[in-house]
């Protein structure tokens, strides 16, 4: 199975208390099984999120079944994901250049070590 890497960026509200709370939600012991399942069901084989200041950087390895459009439709149909997304809006904000309702923007790869 061939995996493809996709990277996204999102901003958090620049408030140390909110950022600390956001990080707690993402600790391994606080992972919500229904959210993890929805991510995997969409074709995401692995996911990592990194933080610098208030900028988030997500790296996903996805299989051939993954498309952003399919994931979005699955998320809309899943009440657990909708609750999670509403909660995350407390912490997240759209990065510069985002359209209305967007928060995670796909990043453009500009370099790869030969």
N, C-alpha and C. Protein backbone atom coordinates (compact mmCIF):
# COMPACT_ATOMS: atom_id res chain seq x y z
N UNK A 1 0.85 -1.18 0.00
CA UNK A 1 0.00 0.00 0.00
C UNK A 1 0.89 1.24 0.00
N UNK A 2 0.63 2.11 -0.93
CA UNK A 2 1.38 3.36 -1.07
C UNK A 2 0.73 4.43 -0.20
N UNK A 3 1.51 5.04 0.69
CA UNK A 3 1.00 6.13 1.52
C UNK A 3 1.47 7.46 0.96
N UNK A 4 0.65 8.46 1.14
CA UNK A 4 0.94 9.81 0.70
C UNK A 4 0.99 10.71 1.93
N UNK A 5 1.92 11.63 1.98
CA UNK A 5 2.03 12.57 3.09
C UNK A 5 1.33 13.88 2.72
N UNK A 6 0.52 14.36 3.66
CA UNK A 6 -0.16 15.65 3.51
C UNK A 6 0.10 16.45 4.79
N UNK A 7 0.40 17.73 4.64
CA UNK A 7 0.68 18.58 5.80
C UNK A 7 -0.30 19.75 5.82
N UNK A 8 -0.76 20.07 7.03
CA UNK A 8 -1.70 21.15 7.23
C UNK A 8 -1.19 22.08 8.34
N UNK A 9 -1.66 23.33 8.31
CA UNK A 9 -1.36 24.29 9.37
C UNK A 9 -2.66 24.88 9.87
N UNK A 10 -2.65 25.22 11.14
CA UNK A 10 -3.79 25.87 11.80
C UNK A 10 -3.21 26.72 12.93
N UNK A 11 -3.92 27.75 13.30
CA UNK A 11 -3.48 28.60 14.41
C UNK A 11 -4.36 28.37 15.63
N UNK A 12 -3.76 28.50 16.79
CA UNK A 12 -4.51 28.53 18.03
C UNK A 12 -4.67 29.98 18.45
N UNK A 13 -5.70 30.25 19.22
CA UNK A 13 -5.85 31.57 19.81
C UNK A 13 -4.63 31.78 20.71
N UNK A 14 -4.00 32.93 20.57
CA UNK A 14 -2.73 33.18 21.26
C UNK A 14 -2.97 33.53 22.72
N UNK A 15 -3.32 32.50 23.50
CA UNK A 15 -3.60 32.64 24.92
C UNK A 15 -2.98 31.43 25.61
N UNK A 16 -1.97 31.64 26.46
CA UNK A 16 -1.25 30.52 27.08
C UNK A 16 -2.16 29.52 27.81
N UNK A 17 -3.20 30.01 28.47
CA UNK A 17 -4.10 29.09 29.18
C UNK A 17 -4.89 28.23 28.21
N UNK A 18 -5.39 28.83 27.13
CA UNK A 18 -6.12 28.05 26.14
C UNK A 18 -5.20 27.05 25.44
N UNK A 19 -3.99 27.46 25.14
CA UNK A 19 -3.03 26.55 24.50
C UNK A 19 -2.72 25.37 25.41
N UNK A 20 -2.53 25.63 26.70
CA UNK A 20 -2.27 24.54 27.65
C UNK A 20 -3.46 23.58 27.71
N UNK A 21 -4.67 24.11 27.70
CA UNK A 21 -5.86 23.26 27.72
C UNK A 21 -5.97 22.44 26.44
N UNK A 22 -5.68 23.06 25.30
CA UNK A 22 -5.70 22.37 24.01
C UNK A 22 -4.72 21.20 24.02
N UNK A 23 -3.54 21.43 24.54
CA UNK A 23 -2.52 20.38 24.61
C UNK A 23 -3.01 19.21 25.47
N UNK A 24 -3.72 19.49 26.55
CA UNK A 24 -4.24 18.41 27.40
C UNK A 24 -5.22 17.53 26.63
N UNK A 25 -6.07 18.15 25.80
CA UNK A 25 -7.02 17.37 25.00
C UNK A 25 -6.30 16.41 24.05
N UNK A 26 -5.07 16.75 23.69
CA UNK A 26 -4.34 15.96 22.70
C UNK A 26 -3.32 15.00 23.31
N UNK A 27 -3.28 14.89 24.63
CA UNK A 27 -2.44 13.89 25.27
C UNK A 27 -2.96 12.49 24.92
N UNK A 28 -2.06 11.53 24.77
CA UNK A 28 -2.45 10.17 24.39
C UNK A 28 -3.53 9.61 25.31
N UNK A 29 -3.40 9.87 26.60
CA UNK A 29 -4.38 9.30 27.54
C UNK A 29 -5.76 9.97 27.45
N UNK A 30 -5.84 11.10 26.75
CA UNK A 30 -7.13 11.79 26.58
C UNK A 30 -7.73 11.58 25.20
N UNK A 31 -7.08 10.76 24.38
CA UNK A 31 -7.59 10.52 23.03
C UNK A 31 -9.00 9.94 23.09
N UNK A 32 -9.86 10.47 22.27
CA UNK A 32 -11.25 9.99 22.22
C UNK A 32 -11.34 8.90 21.15
N UNK A 33 -11.69 7.68 21.56
CA UNK A 33 -11.71 6.56 20.61
C UNK A 33 -12.59 6.80 19.39
N UNK A 34 -13.72 7.48 19.57
CA UNK A 34 -14.62 7.71 18.44
C UNK A 34 -14.00 8.69 17.43
N UNK A 35 -13.17 9.60 17.90
CA UNK A 35 -12.50 10.55 17.00
C UNK A 35 -11.35 9.84 16.30
N UNK A 36 -10.57 9.07 17.05
CA UNK A 36 -9.48 8.30 16.45
C UNK A 36 -10.03 7.36 15.37
N UNK A 37 -11.13 6.70 15.66
CA UNK A 37 -11.74 5.79 14.69
C UNK A 37 -12.16 6.53 13.43
N UNK A 38 -12.77 7.69 13.59
CA UNK A 38 -13.23 8.45 12.42
C UNK A 38 -12.05 8.87 11.53
N UNK A 39 -10.94 9.21 12.16
CA UNK A 39 -9.74 9.60 11.40
C UNK A 39 -9.22 8.40 10.62
N UNK A 40 -9.10 7.27 11.28
CA UNK A 40 -8.60 6.06 10.62
C UNK A 40 -9.55 5.58 9.53
N UNK A 41 -10.85 5.64 9.80
CA UNK A 41 -11.84 5.22 8.80
C UNK A 41 -11.78 6.05 7.52
N UNK A 42 -11.27 7.27 7.63
CA UNK A 42 -11.16 8.15 6.46
C UNK A 42 -9.92 7.86 5.63
N UNK A 43 -9.08 6.91 6.08
CA UNK A 43 -7.89 6.56 5.32
C UNK A 43 -6.61 7.17 5.83
N UNK A 44 -6.63 7.70 7.06
CA UNK A 44 -5.43 8.27 7.66
C UNK A 44 -4.70 7.16 8.40
N UNK A 45 -3.50 6.84 7.95
CA UNK A 45 -2.71 5.77 8.56
C UNK A 45 -1.94 6.26 9.78
N UNK A 46 -1.47 7.51 9.71
CA UNK A 46 -0.79 8.10 10.86
C UNK A 46 -0.98 9.61 10.82
N UNK A 47 -0.89 10.19 12.02
CA UNK A 47 -1.06 11.64 12.15
C UNK A 47 -0.21 12.12 13.31
N UNK A 48 0.48 13.23 13.09
CA UNK A 48 1.24 13.89 14.15
C UNK A 48 0.90 15.37 14.08
N UNK A 49 0.80 16.01 15.26
CA UNK A 49 0.56 17.45 15.32
C UNK A 49 1.68 18.06 16.16
N UNK A 50 2.29 19.12 15.64
CA UNK A 50 3.36 19.84 16.32
C UNK A 50 2.89 21.26 16.58
N UNK A 51 3.48 21.89 17.60
CA UNK A 51 3.10 23.24 18.01
C UNK A 51 4.35 24.11 18.11
N UNK A 52 4.26 25.31 17.55
CA UNK A 52 5.29 26.33 17.71
C UNK A 52 4.57 27.64 18.00
N UNK A 53 4.71 28.14 19.23
CA UNK A 53 3.96 29.34 19.61
C UNK A 53 2.48 29.02 19.59
N UNK A 54 1.76 29.65 18.66
CA UNK A 54 0.34 29.31 18.51
C UNK A 54 0.04 28.70 17.13
N UNK A 55 1.09 28.28 16.42
CA UNK A 55 0.92 27.66 15.10
C UNK A 55 1.00 26.15 15.24
N UNK A 56 -0.03 25.47 14.72
CA UNK A 56 -0.05 24.01 14.67
C UNK A 56 0.38 23.54 13.30
N UNK A 57 1.08 22.42 13.26
CA UNK A 57 1.53 21.80 12.03
C UNK A 57 1.16 20.32 12.11
N UNK A 58 0.34 19.83 11.17
CA UNK A 58 -0.11 18.45 11.17
C UNK A 58 0.47 17.70 9.97
N UNK A 59 1.04 16.54 10.26
CA UNK A 59 1.56 15.65 9.22
C UNK A 59 0.68 14.41 9.21
N UNK A 60 0.10 14.11 8.07
CA UNK A 60 -0.72 12.91 7.93
C UNK A 60 -0.14 12.02 6.84
N UNK A 61 -0.12 10.73 7.10
CA UNK A 61 0.18 9.72 6.09
C UNK A 61 -1.16 9.08 5.77
N UNK A 62 -1.57 9.17 4.51
CA UNK A 62 -2.89 8.70 4.11
C UNK A 62 -2.79 7.62 3.04
N UNK A 63 -3.80 6.74 3.02
CA UNK A 63 -3.82 5.71 1.99
C UNK A 63 -4.61 6.20 0.77
N UNK A 64 -4.78 5.32 -0.19
CA UNK A 64 -5.42 5.70 -1.46
C UNK A 64 -6.92 6.00 -1.31
N UNK A 65 -7.53 5.63 -0.18
CA UNK A 65 -8.96 5.92 0.02
C UNK A 65 -9.19 7.34 0.53
N UNK A 66 -8.15 8.01 0.99
CA UNK A 66 -8.32 9.34 1.58
C UNK A 66 -8.44 10.42 0.52
N UNK A 67 -9.44 11.26 0.70
CA UNK A 67 -9.52 12.55 0.00
C UNK A 67 -10.06 13.55 1.02
N UNK A 68 -9.65 14.80 0.94
CA UNK A 68 -10.20 15.80 1.86
C UNK A 68 -11.72 15.90 1.75
N UNK A 69 -12.24 15.75 0.54
CA UNK A 69 -13.68 15.86 0.33
C UNK A 69 -14.43 14.71 1.03
N UNK A 70 -13.89 13.49 0.90
CA UNK A 70 -14.51 12.33 1.55
C UNK A 70 -14.46 12.49 3.06
N UNK A 71 -13.32 12.93 3.58
CA UNK A 71 -13.18 13.13 5.02
C UNK A 71 -14.19 14.17 5.51
N UNK A 72 -14.36 15.25 4.77
CA UNK A 72 -15.29 16.30 5.15
C UNK A 72 -16.72 15.75 5.21
N UNK A 73 -17.12 14.97 4.20
CA UNK A 73 -18.47 14.39 4.20
C UNK A 73 -18.66 13.42 5.37
N UNK A 74 -17.64 12.63 5.66
CA UNK A 74 -17.71 11.71 6.79
C UNK A 74 -17.85 12.48 8.10
N UNK A 75 -17.10 13.57 8.23
CA UNK A 75 -17.14 14.39 9.45
C UNK A 75 -18.52 15.04 9.64
N UNK A 76 -19.09 15.53 8.57
CA UNK A 76 -20.41 16.18 8.64
C UNK A 76 -21.46 15.18 9.11
N UNK A 77 -21.33 13.93 8.68
CA UNK A 77 -22.31 12.90 9.02
C UNK A 77 -22.09 12.29 10.40
N UNK A 78 -21.01 12.65 11.07
CA UNK A 78 -20.66 12.02 12.35
C UNK A 78 -20.90 13.01 13.50
N UNK A 79 -21.94 12.78 14.33
CA UNK A 79 -22.22 13.72 15.42
C UNK A 79 -21.08 13.84 16.43
N UNK A 80 -20.33 12.75 16.66
CA UNK A 80 -19.20 12.82 17.60
C UNK A 80 -18.12 13.77 17.07
N UNK A 81 -17.85 13.70 15.78
CA UNK A 81 -16.85 14.59 15.18
C UNK A 81 -17.35 16.03 15.21
N UNK A 82 -18.63 16.24 14.98
CA UNK A 82 -19.18 17.59 15.02
C UNK A 82 -19.04 18.21 16.41
N UNK A 83 -19.28 17.42 17.45
CA UNK A 83 -19.10 17.91 18.82
C UNK A 83 -17.64 18.25 19.08
N UNK A 84 -16.74 17.38 18.62
CA UNK A 84 -15.30 17.61 18.78
C UNK A 84 -14.88 18.90 18.07
N UNK A 85 -15.33 19.06 16.85
CA UNK A 85 -14.96 20.26 16.08
C UNK A 85 -15.48 21.53 16.75
N UNK A 86 -16.68 21.49 17.27
CA UNK A 86 -17.21 22.66 18.00
C UNK A 86 -16.34 22.98 19.21
N UNK A 87 -15.94 21.95 19.94
CA UNK A 87 -15.06 22.15 21.09
C UNK A 87 -13.72 22.75 20.65
N UNK A 88 -13.14 22.25 19.56
CA UNK A 88 -11.83 22.72 19.11
C UNK A 88 -11.87 24.17 18.63
N UNK A 89 -13.03 24.66 18.16
CA UNK A 89 -13.12 26.06 17.75
C UNK A 89 -12.90 27.00 18.94
N UNK A 90 -13.06 26.49 20.15
CA UNK A 90 -12.77 27.30 21.34
C UNK A 90 -11.29 27.70 21.37
N UNK A 91 -10.45 26.84 20.79
CA UNK A 91 -9.00 27.02 20.84
C UNK A 91 -8.40 27.47 19.52
N UNK A 92 -8.99 27.00 18.43
CA UNK A 92 -8.40 27.22 17.11
C UNK A 92 -8.95 28.48 16.46
N UNK A 93 -8.13 29.02 15.57
CA UNK A 93 -8.57 30.13 14.74
C UNK A 93 -7.99 29.92 13.35
N UNK A 94 -8.63 30.51 12.39
CA UNK A 94 -8.19 30.35 11.01
C UNK A 94 -6.86 31.05 10.80
N UNK A 95 -5.93 30.39 10.11
CA UNK A 95 -4.67 31.07 9.78
C UNK A 95 -4.89 32.10 8.68
N UNK A 96 -3.92 32.98 8.48
CA UNK A 96 -4.06 33.97 7.41
C UNK A 96 -4.33 33.28 6.07
N UNK A 97 -5.24 33.86 5.31
CA UNK A 97 -5.57 33.33 3.99
C UNK A 97 -6.69 32.30 3.99
N UNK A 98 -7.22 31.95 5.15
CA UNK A 98 -8.30 30.96 5.22
C UNK A 98 -9.61 31.57 4.75
N UNK A 99 -10.45 30.72 4.16
CA UNK A 99 -11.80 31.12 3.79
C UNK A 99 -12.71 30.93 5.00
N UNK A 100 -13.90 31.49 4.92
CA UNK A 100 -14.89 31.37 5.99
C UNK A 100 -15.09 29.89 6.37
N UNK A 101 -14.94 29.57 7.65
CA UNK A 101 -15.16 28.21 8.13
C UNK A 101 -13.94 27.32 8.05
N UNK A 102 -12.87 27.74 7.39
CA UNK A 102 -11.66 26.93 7.30
C UNK A 102 -10.78 27.20 8.51
N UNK A 103 -10.10 26.15 8.96
CA UNK A 103 -9.10 26.37 10.00
C UNK A 103 -7.83 25.59 9.71
N UNK A 104 -7.91 24.38 9.19
CA UNK A 104 -6.71 23.64 8.80
C UNK A 104 -6.50 23.86 7.31
N UNK A 105 -5.38 24.47 6.94
CA UNK A 105 -5.06 24.72 5.54
C UNK A 105 -3.92 23.82 5.08
N UNK A 106 -4.10 23.26 3.90
CA UNK A 106 -3.06 22.40 3.32
C UNK A 106 -1.83 23.25 3.01
N UNK A 107 -0.68 22.72 3.39
CA UNK A 107 0.57 23.42 3.15
C UNK A 107 1.18 22.98 1.82
N UNK A 108 1.90 23.86 1.19
CA UNK A 108 2.59 23.58 -0.06
C UNK A 108 4.00 23.12 0.24
N UNK A 109 4.36 21.96 -0.28
CA UNK A 109 5.74 21.48 -0.11
C UNK A 109 6.63 22.26 -1.06
N UNK A 110 7.68 22.84 -0.54
CA UNK A 110 8.58 23.63 -1.38
C UNK A 110 9.98 23.04 -1.43
N UNK A 111 10.25 22.00 -0.64
CA UNK A 111 11.59 21.39 -0.64
C UNK A 111 11.49 19.95 -0.15
N UNK A 112 12.33 19.12 -0.74
CA UNK A 112 12.48 17.74 -0.29
C UNK A 112 13.94 17.37 -0.48
N UNK A 113 14.56 16.86 0.56
CA UNK A 113 15.98 16.49 0.51
C UNK A 113 16.18 15.41 -0.54
N UNK A 114 17.02 15.69 -1.54
CA UNK A 114 17.25 14.68 -2.61
C UNK A 114 18.03 13.48 -2.08
